[in-house]
Protein backbone atom coordinates (compact mmCIF):
# COMPACT_ATOMS: atom_id res chain seq x y z
CA MET A 1 -24.74 -32.43 2.61
CA TYR A 2 -21.99 -34.66 3.96
CA LEU A 3 -19.45 -32.30 2.36
CA PHE A 4 -20.40 -29.42 4.71
CA ARG A 5 -20.88 -31.46 7.88
CA ASN A 6 -17.44 -33.02 7.96
CA LYS A 7 -15.13 -30.01 8.19
CA ASP A 8 -12.05 -32.20 8.26
CA SER A 9 -12.70 -33.56 4.81
CA LYS A 10 -10.33 -32.79 1.99
CA ARG A 11 -13.25 -31.84 -0.24
CA PHE A 12 -14.39 -29.13 2.16
CA ARG A 13 -10.92 -27.60 2.35
CA ALA A 14 -10.59 -27.75 -1.43
CA LEU A 15 -13.94 -26.01 -1.83
CA VAL A 16 -13.02 -23.24 0.61
CA PHE A 17 -9.67 -22.76 -1.12
CA ALA A 18 -11.38 -22.56 -4.53
CA VAL A 19 -13.84 -19.92 -3.26
CA VAL A 20 -11.06 -17.82 -1.74
CA VAL A 21 -9.03 -17.97 -4.96
CA ALA A 22 -12.07 -17.24 -7.11
CA LEU A 23 -12.92 -14.14 -5.07
CA GLY A 24 -9.40 -12.97 -4.23
CA ALA A 25 -7.62 -13.26 -7.57
CA PRO A 26 -9.83 -10.78 -9.47
CA VAL A 27 -9.50 -8.24 -6.66
CA MET A 28 -5.69 -8.52 -6.74
CA MET A 29 -5.68 -7.74 -10.46
CA LEU A 30 -7.26 -4.35 -9.73
CA ASP A 31 -4.22 -3.15 -7.75
CA ARG A 32 -2.28 -0.40 -9.48
CA ILE A 33 0.18 2.39 -8.75
CA VAL A 34 0.02 5.66 -10.67
CA VAL A 35 3.02 8.00 -10.55
CA SER A 36 2.02 11.27 -12.19
CA GLY A 37 3.63 14.68 -12.46
CA THR A 38 1.82 15.87 -9.32
CA GLY A 39 1.63 12.83 -7.04
CA ILE A 40 1.60 9.12 -6.44
CA GLU A 41 -1.48 7.02 -5.78
CA GLU A 42 -1.93 3.32 -5.15
CA THR A 43 -5.41 1.91 -5.49
CA GLY A 44 -6.38 -1.53 -4.32
CA GLY A 45 -9.20 -3.79 -5.29
CA ILE A 46 -11.30 -3.04 -2.23
CA VAL A 47 -11.47 0.77 -2.27
CA THR A 48 -8.11 1.43 -0.63
CA THR A 49 -6.11 4.44 -1.73
CA ARG A 50 -2.67 5.47 -0.53
CA GLY A 51 -0.43 8.22 -1.77
CA PHE A 52 0.43 11.91 -1.63
CA HIS A 53 0.93 15.06 -3.70
CA TYR A 54 4.55 16.12 -4.18
CA ALA A 55 3.87 19.82 -3.49
CA ASP A 56 2.71 19.05 0.06
CA VAL A 57 5.67 16.85 1.03
CA GLU A 58 8.83 18.09 2.73
CA TYR A 59 10.57 14.69 2.56
CA VAL A 60 10.01 10.93 2.72
CA HIS A 61 11.86 8.62 5.10
CA VAL A 62 11.87 4.90 4.26
CA THR A 63 12.15 2.69 7.35
CA THR A 64 11.12 -0.69 8.68
CA ARG A 65 8.92 -1.60 11.62
CA LEU A 66 7.49 -4.67 13.24
CA GLY A 67 4.13 -5.52 11.76
CA ALA A 68 1.62 -8.26 12.36
CA ARG A 69 3.01 -11.50 13.76
CA ALA A 70 6.37 -9.81 14.46
CA ARG A 71 7.22 -9.53 10.76
CA THR A 72 9.34 -6.66 9.51
CA VAL A 73 7.43 -4.38 7.14
CA THR A 74 8.65 -1.43 5.09
CA VAL A 75 7.03 1.90 5.89
CA TRP A 76 7.28 5.20 4.05
CA GLU A 77 7.08 8.09 6.53
CA VAL A 78 5.74 11.04 4.56
CA HIS A 79 6.65 14.30 6.31
CA TYR A 80 4.36 17.11 5.17
CA LYS A 81 5.46 20.75 4.90
CA PRO A 82 4.38 23.11 7.68
CA ASP A 83 2.59 25.24 5.07
CA SER A 84 0.92 22.32 3.31
CA ALA A 85 -1.82 23.23 0.84
CA LEU A 86 -3.93 20.47 2.41
CA GLY A 87 -4.71 22.80 5.30
CA LEU A 88 -4.05 22.84 9.01
CA ALA A 89 -4.98 19.19 9.45
CA SER A 90 -2.00 18.09 7.34
CA ALA A 91 0.48 20.88 8.05
CA GLY A 92 3.62 19.44 9.57
CA ARG A 93 2.18 15.99 10.21
CA VAL A 94 3.80 12.65 9.44
CA GLU A 95 1.83 9.98 7.59
CA ASP A 96 2.92 6.35 7.65
CA ILE A 97 2.30 4.49 4.41
CA ASN A 98 2.62 0.73 4.82
CA ILE A 99 3.63 -0.27 1.35
CA GLY A 100 2.12 -3.37 -0.17
CA SER A 101 3.84 -6.05 -2.20
CA LEU A 102 3.23 -4.27 -5.52
CA TRP A 103 4.81 -1.07 -4.18
CA SER A 104 7.64 -3.04 -2.54
CA VAL A 105 8.59 -4.93 -5.71
CA ASN A 106 8.72 -1.66 -7.68
CA SER A 107 10.10 0.60 -4.93
CA ASP A 108 13.41 1.36 -6.67
CA THR A 109 11.60 2.51 -9.82
CA ILE A 110 9.06 4.48 -7.80
CA MET A 111 11.79 6.19 -5.76
CA GLY A 112 13.62 7.13 -8.96
CA LEU A 113 10.47 8.67 -10.45
CA LEU A 114 9.70 10.56 -7.25
CA LYS A 115 13.26 11.89 -6.96
CA ALA A 116 13.01 13.09 -10.58
CA SER A 117 9.84 14.94 -9.58
CA GLY A 118 11.60 16.72 -6.70
CA VAL A 119 10.66 14.56 -3.72
CA GLN A 120 13.50 14.30 -1.21
CA PHE A 121 14.34 11.03 0.55
CA ARG A 122 16.21 10.96 3.87
């Protein structure tokens, strides 16, 4: 029990680190990006889904913003068409997609595939 009472011990920190790695690494391996003929979708390990259908998008604007702890993050602003098939809730709106590291590392390839599918970038 001494291991859990002395929070400054190296053993405690090593145990916490091992638990975080053991739980976090398998979740990270579930991340994937699917670029299909109709849309793009990124799924994460903990039920997170980001993406859009090409037919509903007028254009995409890639920009940067300040994120947590004043770090610069890349954001894809997805501008939907006024007559979007998604209905009135999506018609003409702008959705910010904060891209993750997997999307960021492969952004040039993803942009090339999306441009080939007719998505405009401004």
